Amino acid sequence: QGQYTSGASSIAQKAAEAAYNGSQECVAEMCAAFR
């Protein structure tokens, strides 16, 4: 990856960090809608 794209978007990474560290209630709500 270091040779053809390097690191992923800095801003998107910080958003993903919040996704993993924050409340997971949104995940359950979306899954219920998909069901």
PDB file of all heavy atoms in Angstrom:
ATOM      1  N   GLN A   1       0.821  -1.202   0.000  1.00  0.00           N
ATOM      2  CA  GLN A   1       0.000   0.000   0.000  1.00  0.00           C
ATOM      3  C   GLN A   1       0.860   1.259   0.000  1.00  0.00           C
ATOM      4  O   GLN A   1       0.500   2.276  -0.595  1.00  0.00           O
ATOM      5  CB  GLN A   1      -0.941  -0.014   1.221  1.00  0.00           C
ATOM      6  CG  GLN A   1      -1.927   1.139   1.229  1.00  0.00           C
ATOM      7  CD  GLN A   1      -3.050   0.935   2.226  1.00  0.00           C
ATOM      8  OE1 GLN A   1      -3.872   0.036   2.071  1.00  0.00           O
ATOM      9  NE2 GLN A   1      -3.094   1.766   3.260  1.00  0.00           N
ATOM     10  N   GLY A   2       2.022   1.175   0.640  1.00  0.00           N
ATOM     11  CA  GLY A   2       2.934   2.314   0.673  1.00  0.00           C
ATOM     12  C   GLY A   2       3.439   2.716  -0.693  1.00  0.00           C
ATOM     13  O   GLY A   2       3.831   3.866  -0.919  1.00  0.00           O
ATOM     14  N   GLN A   3       3.402   1.784  -1.635  1.00  0.00           N
ATOM     15  CA  GLN A   3       3.887   2.087  -2.975  1.00  0.00           C
ATOM     16  C   GLN A   3       2.802   2.568  -3.915  1.00  0.00           C
ATOM     17  O   GLN A   3       3.103   3.157  -4.945  1.00  0.00           O
ATOM     18  CB  GLN A   3       4.570   0.854  -3.580  1.00  0.00           C
ATOM     19  CG  GLN A   3       5.899   0.496  -2.934  1.00  0.00           C
ATOM     20  CD  GLN A   3       6.974   1.550  -3.162  1.00  0.00           C
ATOM     21  OE1 GLN A   3       6.744   2.583  -3.778  1.00  0.00           O
ATOM     22  NE2 GLN A   3       8.169   1.293  -2.658  1.00  0.00           N
ATOM     23  N   TYR A   4       1.517   2.284  -3.601  1.00  0.00           N
ATOM     24  CA  TYR A   4       0.537   2.694  -4.615  1.00  0.00           C
ATOM     25  C   TYR A   4      -0.620   3.553  -4.145  1.00  0.00           C
ATOM     26  O   TYR A   4      -1.255   4.169  -4.985  1.00  0.00           O
ATOM     27  CB  TYR A   4       0.077   1.507  -5.470  1.00  0.00           C
ATOM     28  CG  TYR A   4      -1.004   0.612  -4.922  1.00  0.00           C
ATOM     29  CD1 TYR A   4      -2.255   0.555  -5.543  1.00  0.00           C
ATOM     30  CD2 TYR A   4      -0.787  -0.222  -3.839  1.00  0.00           C
ATOM     31  CE1 TYR A   4      -3.237  -0.289  -5.090  1.00  0.00           C
ATOM     32  CE2 TYR A   4      -1.767  -1.073  -3.381  1.00  0.00           C
ATOM     33  CZ  TYR A   4      -2.992  -1.102  -4.008  1.00  0.00           C
ATOM     34  OH  TYR A   4      -3.970  -1.952  -3.549  1.00  0.00           O
ATOM     35  N   THR A   5      -0.895   3.667  -2.867  1.00  0.00           N
ATOM     36  CA  THR A   5      -1.858   4.694  -2.435  1.00  0.00           C
ATOM     37  C   THR A   5      -1.409   5.428  -1.181  1.00  0.00           C
ATOM     38  O   THR A   5      -1.911   6.506  -0.886  1.00  0.00           O
ATOM     39  CB  THR A   5      -3.270   4.131  -2.147  1.00  0.00           C
ATOM     40  OG1 THR A   5      -3.177   3.198  -1.071  1.00  0.00           O
ATOM     41  CG2 THR A   5      -3.873   3.476  -3.366  1.00  0.00           C
ATOM     42  N   SER A   6      -0.502   4.842  -0.414  1.00  0.00           N
ATOM     43  CA  SER A   6      -0.148   5.357   0.921  1.00  0.00           C
ATOM     44  C   SER A   6      -1.364   5.295   1.834  1.00  0.00           C
ATOM     45  O   SER A   6      -2.283   4.509   1.615  1.00  0.00           O
ATOM     46  CB  SER A   6       0.425   6.772   0.823  1.00  0.00           C
ATOM     47  OG  SER A   6       1.619   6.763   0.062  1.00  0.00           O
ATOM     48  N   GLY A   7      -1.386   6.147   2.870  1.00  0.00           N
ATOM     49  CA  GLY A   7      -2.435   6.060   3.870  1.00  0.00           C
ATOM     50  C   GLY A   7      -3.780   6.540   3.369  1.00  0.00           C
ATOM     51  O   GLY A   7      -3.875   7.355   2.448  1.00  0.00           O
ATOM     52  N   ALA A   8      -4.839   6.033   4.012  1.00  0.00           N
ATOM     53  CA  ALA A   8      -6.196   6.453   3.673  1.00  0.00           C
ATOM     54  C   ALA A   8      -6.448   7.877   4.168  1.00  0.00           C
ATOM     55  O   ALA A   8      -5.663   8.429   4.944  1.00  0.00           O
ATOM     56  CB  ALA A   8      -7.201   5.484   4.297  1.00  0.00           C
ATOM     57  N   SER A   9      -7.537   8.467   3.734  1.00  0.00           N
ATOM     58  CA  SER A   9      -7.903   9.843   4.082  1.00  0.00           C
ATOM     59  C   SER A   9      -7.819  10.092   5.589  1.00  0.00           C
ATOM     60  O   SER A   9      -8.409   9.353   6.382  1.00  0.00           O
ATOM     61  CB  SER A   9      -9.330  10.129   3.609  1.00  0.00           C
ATOM     62  OG  SER A   9      -9.884  11.237   4.288  1.00  0.00           O
ATOM     63  N   SER A  10      -7.123  11.132   5.943  1.00  0.00           N
ATOM     64  CA  SER A  10      -6.946  11.467   7.358  1.00  0.00           C
ATOM     65  C   SER A  10      -8.288  11.775   8.030  1.00  0.00           C
ATOM     66  O   SER A  10      -8.559  11.315   9.152  1.00  0.00           O
ATOM     67  CB  SER A  10      -6.002  12.661   7.494  1.00  0.00           C
ATOM     68  OG  SER A  10      -6.489  13.766   6.742  1.00  0.00           O
ATOM     69  N   ILE A  11      -9.137  12.539   7.351  1.00  0.00           N
ATOM     70  CA  ILE A  11     -10.422  12.934   7.930  1.00  0.00           C
ATOM     71  C   ILE A  11     -11.339  11.716   8.075  1.00  0.00           C
ATOM     72  O   ILE A  11     -12.003  11.527   9.105  1.00  0.00           O
ATOM     73  CB  ILE A  11     -11.109  14.016   7.064  1.00  0.00           C
ATOM     74  CG1 ILE A  11     -10.166  15.207   6.837  1.00  0.00           C
ATOM     75  CG2 ILE A  11     -12.420  14.456   7.685  1.00  0.00           C
ATOM     76  CD1 ILE A  11      -9.620  15.844   8.092  1.00  0.00           C
ATOM     77  N   ALA A  12     -11.374  10.872   7.050  1.00  0.00           N
ATOM     78  CA  ALA A  12     -12.215   9.679   7.101  1.00  0.00           C
ATOM     79  C   ALA A  12     -11.749   8.733   8.210  1.00  0.00           C
ATOM     80  O   ALA A  12     -12.574   8.074   8.861  1.00  0.00           O
ATOM     81  CB  ALA A  12     -12.199   8.962   5.747  1.00  0.00           C
ATOM     82  N   GLN A  13     -10.437   8.667   8.438  1.00  0.00           N
ATOM     83  CA  GLN A  13      -9.939   7.815   9.526  1.00  0.00           C
ATOM     84  C   GLN A  13     -10.430   8.292  10.885  1.00  0.00           C
ATOM     85  O   GLN A  13     -10.802   7.484  11.750  1.00  0.00           O
ATOM     86  CB  GLN A  13      -8.414   7.781   9.517  1.00  0.00           C
ATOM     87  CG  GLN A  13      -7.821   6.935   8.411  1.00  0.00           C
ATOM     88  CD  GLN A  13      -6.340   6.687   8.651  1.00  0.00           C
ATOM     89  OE1 GLN A  13      -5.948   6.139   9.673  1.00  0.00           O
ATOM     90  NE2 GLN A  13      -5.516   7.106   7.702  1.00  0.00           N
ATOM     91  N   LYS A  14     -10.437   9.598  11.099  1.00  0.00           N
ATOM     92  CA  LYS A  14     -10.905  10.124  12.382  1.00  0.00           C
ATOM     93  C   LYS A  14     -12.409   9.884  12.540  1.00  0.00           C
ATOM     94  O   LYS A  14     -12.902   9.648  13.647  1.00  0.00           O
ATOM     95  CB  LYS A  14     -10.570  11.609  12.521  1.00  0.00           C
ATOM     96  CG  LYS A  14      -9.089  11.942  12.472  1.00  0.00           C
ATOM     97  CD  LYS A  14      -8.256  11.117  13.436  1.00  0.00           C
ATOM     98  CE  LYS A  14      -8.402  11.558  14.885  1.00  0.00           C
ATOM     99  NZ  LYS A  14      -7.475  10.798  15.778  1.00  0.00           N
ATOM    100  N   ALA A  15     -13.145   9.937  11.440  1.00  0.00           N
ATOM    101  CA  ALA A  15     -14.567   9.604  11.493  1.00  0.00           C
ATOM    102  C   ALA A  15     -14.756   8.127  11.857  1.00  0.00           C
ATOM    103  O   ALA A  15     -15.612   7.778  12.684  1.00  0.00           O
ATOM    104  CB  ALA A  15     -15.219   9.906  10.146  1.00  0.00           C
ATOM    105  N   ALA A  16     -13.956   7.250  11.253  1.00  0.00           N
ATOM    106  CA  ALA A  16     -14.054   5.817  11.542  1.00  0.00           C
ATOM    107  C   ALA A  16     -13.710   5.525  12.999  1.00  0.00           C
ATOM    108  O   ALA A  16     -14.321   4.653  13.640  1.00  0.00           O
ATOM    109  CB  ALA A  16     -13.127   5.036  10.612  1.00  0.00           C
ATOM    110  N   GLU A  17     -12.755   6.237  13.517  1.00  0.00           N
ATOM    111  CA  GLU A  17     -12.384   6.072  14.930  1.00  0.00           C
ATOM    112  C   GLU A  17     -13.586   6.357  15.832  1.00  0.00           C
ATOM    113  O   GLU A  17     -13.873   5.618  16.778  1.00  0.00           O
ATOM    114  CB  GLU A  17     -11.232   7.028  15.239  1.00  0.00           C
ATOM    115  CG  GLU A  17     -10.531   6.775  16.543  1.00  0.00           C
ATOM    116  CD  GLU A  17      -9.378   7.764  16.733  1.00  0.00           C
ATOM    117  OE1 GLU A  17      -8.646   8.043  15.757  1.00  0.00           O
ATOM    118  OE2 GLU A  17      -9.229   8.262  17.865  1.00  0.00           O
ATOM    119  N   ALA A  18     -14.317   7.430  15.512  1.00  0.00           N
ATOM    120  CA  ALA A  18     -15.522   7.759  16.284  1.00  0.00           C
ATOM    121  C   ALA A  18     -16.589   6.677  16.126  1.00  0.00           C
ATOM    122  O   ALA A  18     -17.331   6.375  17.075  1.00  0.00           O
ATOM    123  CB  ALA A  18     -16.070   9.113  15.835  1.00  0.00           C
ATOM    124  N   ALA A  19     -16.668   6.085  14.933  1.00  0.00           N
ATOM    125  CA  ALA A  19     -17.643   5.012  14.710  1.00  0.00           C
ATOM    126  C   ALA A  19     -17.363   3.836  15.641  1.00  0.00           C
ATOM    127  O   ALA A  19     -18.272   3.301  16.282  1.00  0.00           O
ATOM    128  CB  ALA A  19     -17.603   4.562  13.250  1.00  0.00           C
ATOM    129  N   TYR A  20     -16.107   3.440  15.739  1.00  0.00           N
ATOM    130  CA  TYR A  20     -15.763   2.279  16.562  1.00  0.00           C
ATOM    131  C   TYR A  20     -15.810   2.584  18.056  1.00  0.00           C
ATOM    132  O   TYR A  20     -16.176   1.718  18.848  1.00  0.00           O
ATOM    133  CB  TYR A  20     -14.387   1.739  16.173  1.00  0.00           C
ATOM    134  CG  TYR A  20     -14.390   1.014  14.855  1.00  0.00           C
ATOM    135  CD1 TYR A  20     -13.564   1.404  13.801  1.00  0.00           C
ATOM    136  CD2 TYR A  20     -15.240  -0.071  14.638  1.00  0.00           C
ATOM    137  CE1 TYR A  20     -13.588   0.740  12.583  1.00  0.00           C
ATOM    138  CE2 TYR A  20     -15.270  -0.744  13.424  1.00  0.00           C
ATOM    139  CZ  TYR A  20     -14.440  -0.328  12.402  1.00  0.00           C
ATOM    140  OH  TYR A  20     -14.473  -1.002  11.197  1.00  0.00           O
ATOM    141  N   ASN A  21     -15.448   3.798  18.431  1.00  0.00           N
ATOM    142  CA  ASN A  21     -15.372   4.134  19.859  1.00  0.00           C
ATOM    143  C   ASN A  21     -16.694   4.644  20.435  1.00  0.00           C
ATOM    144  O   ASN A  21     -16.869   4.668  21.654  1.00  0.00           O
ATOM    145  CB  ASN A  21     -14.290   5.195  20.104  1.00  0.00           C
ATOM    146  CG  ASN A  21     -12.884   4.626  19.964  1.00  0.00           C
ATOM    147  OD1 ASN A  21     -12.686   3.415  20.087  1.00  0.00           O
ATOM    148  ND2 ASN A  21     -11.915   5.488  19.695  1.00  0.00           N
ATOM    149  N   GLY A  22     -17.613   5.068  19.577  1.00  0.00           N
ATOM    150  CA  GLY A  22     -18.855   5.685  20.044  1.00  0.00           C
ATOM    151  C   GLY A  22     -19.961   4.681  20.298  1.00  0.00           C
ATOM    152  O   GLY A  22     -19.760   3.458  20.274  1.00  0.00           O
ATOM    153  N   SER A  23     -21.154   5.207  20.532  1.00  0.00           N
ATOM    154  CA  SER A  23     -22.334   4.379  20.752  1.00  0.00           C
ATOM    155  C   SER A  23     -22.614   3.518  19.518  1.00  0.00           C
ATOM    156  O   SER A  23     -22.483   3.981  18.387  1.00  0.00           O
ATOM    157  CB  SER A  23     -23.544   5.272  21.036  1.00  0.00           C
ATOM    158  OG  SER A  23     -24.736   4.522  20.957  1.00  0.00           O
ATOM    159  N   GLN A  24     -23.008   2.282  19.771  1.00  0.00           N
ATOM    160  CA  GLN A  24     -23.334   1.361  18.673  1.00  0.00           C
ATOM    161  C   GLN A  24     -24.851   1.272  18.435  1.00  0.00           C
ATOM    162  O   GLN A  24     -25.323   0.419  17.679  1.00  0.00           O
ATOM    163  CB  GLN A  24     -22.763  -0.022  18.976  1.00  0.00           C
ATOM    164  CG  GLN A  24     -21.254  -0.036  19.172  1.00  0.00           C
ATOM    165  CD  GLN A  24     -20.494   0.506  17.967  1.00  0.00           C
ATOM    166  OE1 GLN A  24     -20.575  -0.049  16.878  1.00  0.00           O
ATOM    167  NE2 GLN A  24     -19.741   1.578  18.160  1.00  0.00           N
ATOM    168  N   GLU A  25     -25.599   2.169  19.056  1.00  0.00           N
ATOM    169  CA  GLU A  25     -27.051   2.151  18.919  1.00  0.00           C
ATOM    170  C   GLU A  25     -27.477   2.339  17.465  1.00  0.00           C
ATOM    171  O   GLU A  25     -28.437   1.720  16.992  1.00  0.00           O
ATOM    172  CB  GLU A  25     -27.652   3.269  19.786  1.00  0.00           C
ATOM    173  CG  GLU A  25     -29.153   3.166  19.974  1.00  0.00           C
ATOM    174  CD  GLU A  25     -29.686   4.241  20.919  1.00  0.00           C
ATOM    175  OE1 GLU A  25     -28.958   4.658  21.827  1.00  0.00           O
ATOM    176  OE2 GLU A  25     -30.836   4.664  20.703  1.00  0.00           O
ATOM    177  N   CYS A  26     -26.736   3.180  16.728  1.00  0.00           N
ATOM    178  CA  CYS A  26     -27.083   3.430  15.319  1.00  0.00           C
ATOM    179  C   CYS A  26     -26.978   2.159  14.489  1.00  0.00           C
ATOM    180  O   CYS A  26     -27.768   1.947  13.555  1.00  0.00           O
ATOM    181  CB  CYS A  26     -26.182   4.524  14.743  1.00  0.00           C
ATOM    182  SG  CYS A  26     -24.402   4.166  14.841  1.00  0.00           S
ATOM    183  N   VAL A  27     -26.028   1.312  14.829  1.00  0.00           N
ATOM    184  CA  VAL A  27     -25.838   0.057  14.092  1.00  0.00           C
ATOM    185  C   VAL A  27     -27.063  -0.840  14.274  1.00  0.00           C
ATOM    186  O   VAL A  27     -27.597  -1.404  13.311  1.00  0.00           O
ATOM    187  CB  VAL A  27     -24.558  -0.660  14.564  1.00  0.00           C
ATOM    188  CG1 VAL A  27     -24.401  -2.005  13.864  1.00  0.00           C
ATOM    189  CG2 VAL A  27     -23.334   0.219  14.333  1.00  0.00           C
ATOM    190  N   ALA A  28     -27.511  -0.953  15.517  1.00  0.00           N
ATOM    191  CA  ALA A  28     -28.682  -1.788  15.807  1.00  0.00           C
ATOM    192  C   ALA A  28     -29.935  -1.243  15.129  1.00  0.00           C
ATOM    193  O   ALA A  28     -30.762  -2.009  14.614  1.00  0.00           O
ATOM    194  CB  ALA A  28     -28.886  -1.870  17.320  1.00  0.00           C
ATOM    195  N   GLU A  29     -30.078   0.085  15.115  1.00  0.00           N
ATOM    196  CA  GLU A  29     -31.265   0.696  14.487  1.00  0.00           C
ATOM    197  C   GLU A  29     -31.293   0.415  12.985  1.00  0.00           C
ATOM    198  O   GLU A  29     -32.345   0.094  12.424  1.00  0.00           O
ATOM    199  CB  GLU A  29     -31.268   2.206  14.748  1.00  0.00           C
ATOM    200  CG  GLU A  29     -31.596   2.573  16.192  1.00  0.00           C
ATOM    201  CD  GLU A  29     -31.414   4.049  16.477  1.00  0.00           C
ATOM    202  OE1 GLU A  29     -30.960   4.789  15.558  1.00  0.00           O
ATOM    203  OE2 GLU A  29     -31.714   4.470  17.597  1.00  0.00           O
ATOM    204  N   MET A  30     -30.144   0.549  12.329  1.00  0.00           N
ATOM    205  CA  MET A  30     -30.102   0.298  10.889  1.00  0.00           C
ATOM    206  C   MET A  30     -30.348  -1.173  10.590  1.00  0.00           C
ATOM    207  O   MET A  30     -31.054  -1.517   9.633  1.00  0.00           O
ATOM    208  CB  MET A  30     -28.772   0.786  10.304  1.00  0.00           C
ATOM    209  CG  MET A  30     -28.693   2.297  10.200  1.00  0.00           C
ATOM    210  SD  MET A  30     -27.242   2.927   9.319  1.00  0.00           S
ATOM    211  CE  MET A  30     -26.026   3.005  10.634  1.00  0.00           C
ATOM    212  N   CYS A  31     -29.798  -2.056  11.419  1.00  0.00           N
ATOM    213  CA  CYS A  31     -30.004  -3.488  11.203  1.00  0.00           C
ATOM    214  C   CYS A  31     -31.490  -3.838  11.329  1.00  0.00           C
ATOM    215  O   CYS A  31     -32.018  -4.632  10.547  1.00  0.00           O
ATOM    216  CB  CYS A  31     -29.176  -4.293  12.200  1.00  0.00           C
ATOM    217  SG  CYS A  31     -29.284  -6.077  11.935  1.00  0.00           S
ATOM    218  N   ALA A  32     -32.161  -3.228  12.303  1.00  0.00           N
ATOM    219  CA  ALA A  32     -33.595  -3.486  12.479  1.00  0.00           C
ATOM    220  C   ALA A  32     -34.381  -3.041  11.249  1.00  0.00           C
ATOM    221  O   ALA A  32     -35.328  -3.717  10.814  1.00  0.00           O
ATOM    222  CB  ALA A  32     -34.104  -2.771  13.734  1.00  0.00           C
ATOM    223  N   ALA A  33     -33.998  -1.906  10.667  1.00  0.00           N
ATOM    224  CA  ALA A  33     -34.670  -1.430   9.455  1.00  0.00           C
ATOM    225  C   ALA A  33     -34.421  -2.374   8.289  1.00  0.00           C
ATOM    226  O   ALA A  33     -35.341  -2.693   7.513  1.00  0.00           O
ATOM    227  CB  ALA A  33     -34.187  -0.022   9.108  1.00  0.00           C
ATOM    228  N   PHE A  34     -33.186  -2.871   8.159  1.00  0.00           N
ATOM    229  CA  PHE A  34     -32.883  -3.812   7.074  1.00  0.00           C
ATOM    230  C   PHE A  34     -33.677  -5.110   7.248  1.00  0.00           C
ATOM    231  O   PHE A  34     -34.133  -5.707   6.270  1.00  0.00           O
ATOM    232  CB  PHE A  34     -31.384  -4.112   7.024  1.00  0.00           C
ATOM    233  CG  PHE A  34     -30.557  -2.993   6.467  1.00  0.00           C
ATOM    234  CD1 PHE A  34     -29.418  -2.541   7.135  1.00  0.00           C
ATOM    235  CD2 PHE A  34     -30.878  -2.380   5.272  1.00  0.00           C
ATOM    236  CE1 PHE A  34     -28.644  -1.509   6.628  1.00  0.00           C
ATOM    237  CE2 PHE A  34     -30.115  -1.351   4.745  1.00  0.00           C
ATOM    238  CZ  PHE A  34     -28.994  -0.923   5.435  1.00  0.00           C
ATOM    239  N   ARG A  35     -33.827  -5.544   8.483  1.00  0.00           N
ATOM    240  CA  ARG A  35     -34.589  -6.771   8.724  1.00  0.00           C
ATOM    241  C   ARG A  35     -36.048  -6.584   8.296  1.00  0.00           C
ATOM    242  O   ARG A  35     -36.646  -7.477   7.680  1.00  0.00           O
ATOM    243  CB  ARG A  35     -34.514  -7.153  10.206  1.00  0.00           C
ATOM    244  CG  ARG A  35     -35.248  -8.444  10.509  1.00  0.00           C
ATOM    245  CD  ARG A  35     -35.061  -8.887  11.946  1.00  0.00           C
ATOM    246  NE  ARG A  35     -35.503 -10.260  12.101  1.00  0.00           N
ATOM    247  CZ  ARG A  35     -34.941 -11.150  12.887  1.00  0.00           C
ATOM    248  NH1 ARG A  35     -33.886 -10.823  13.595  1.00  0.00           N
ATOM    249  NH2 ARG A  35     -35.416 -12.375  12.983  1.00  0.00           N
TER     250      ARG A  35
END
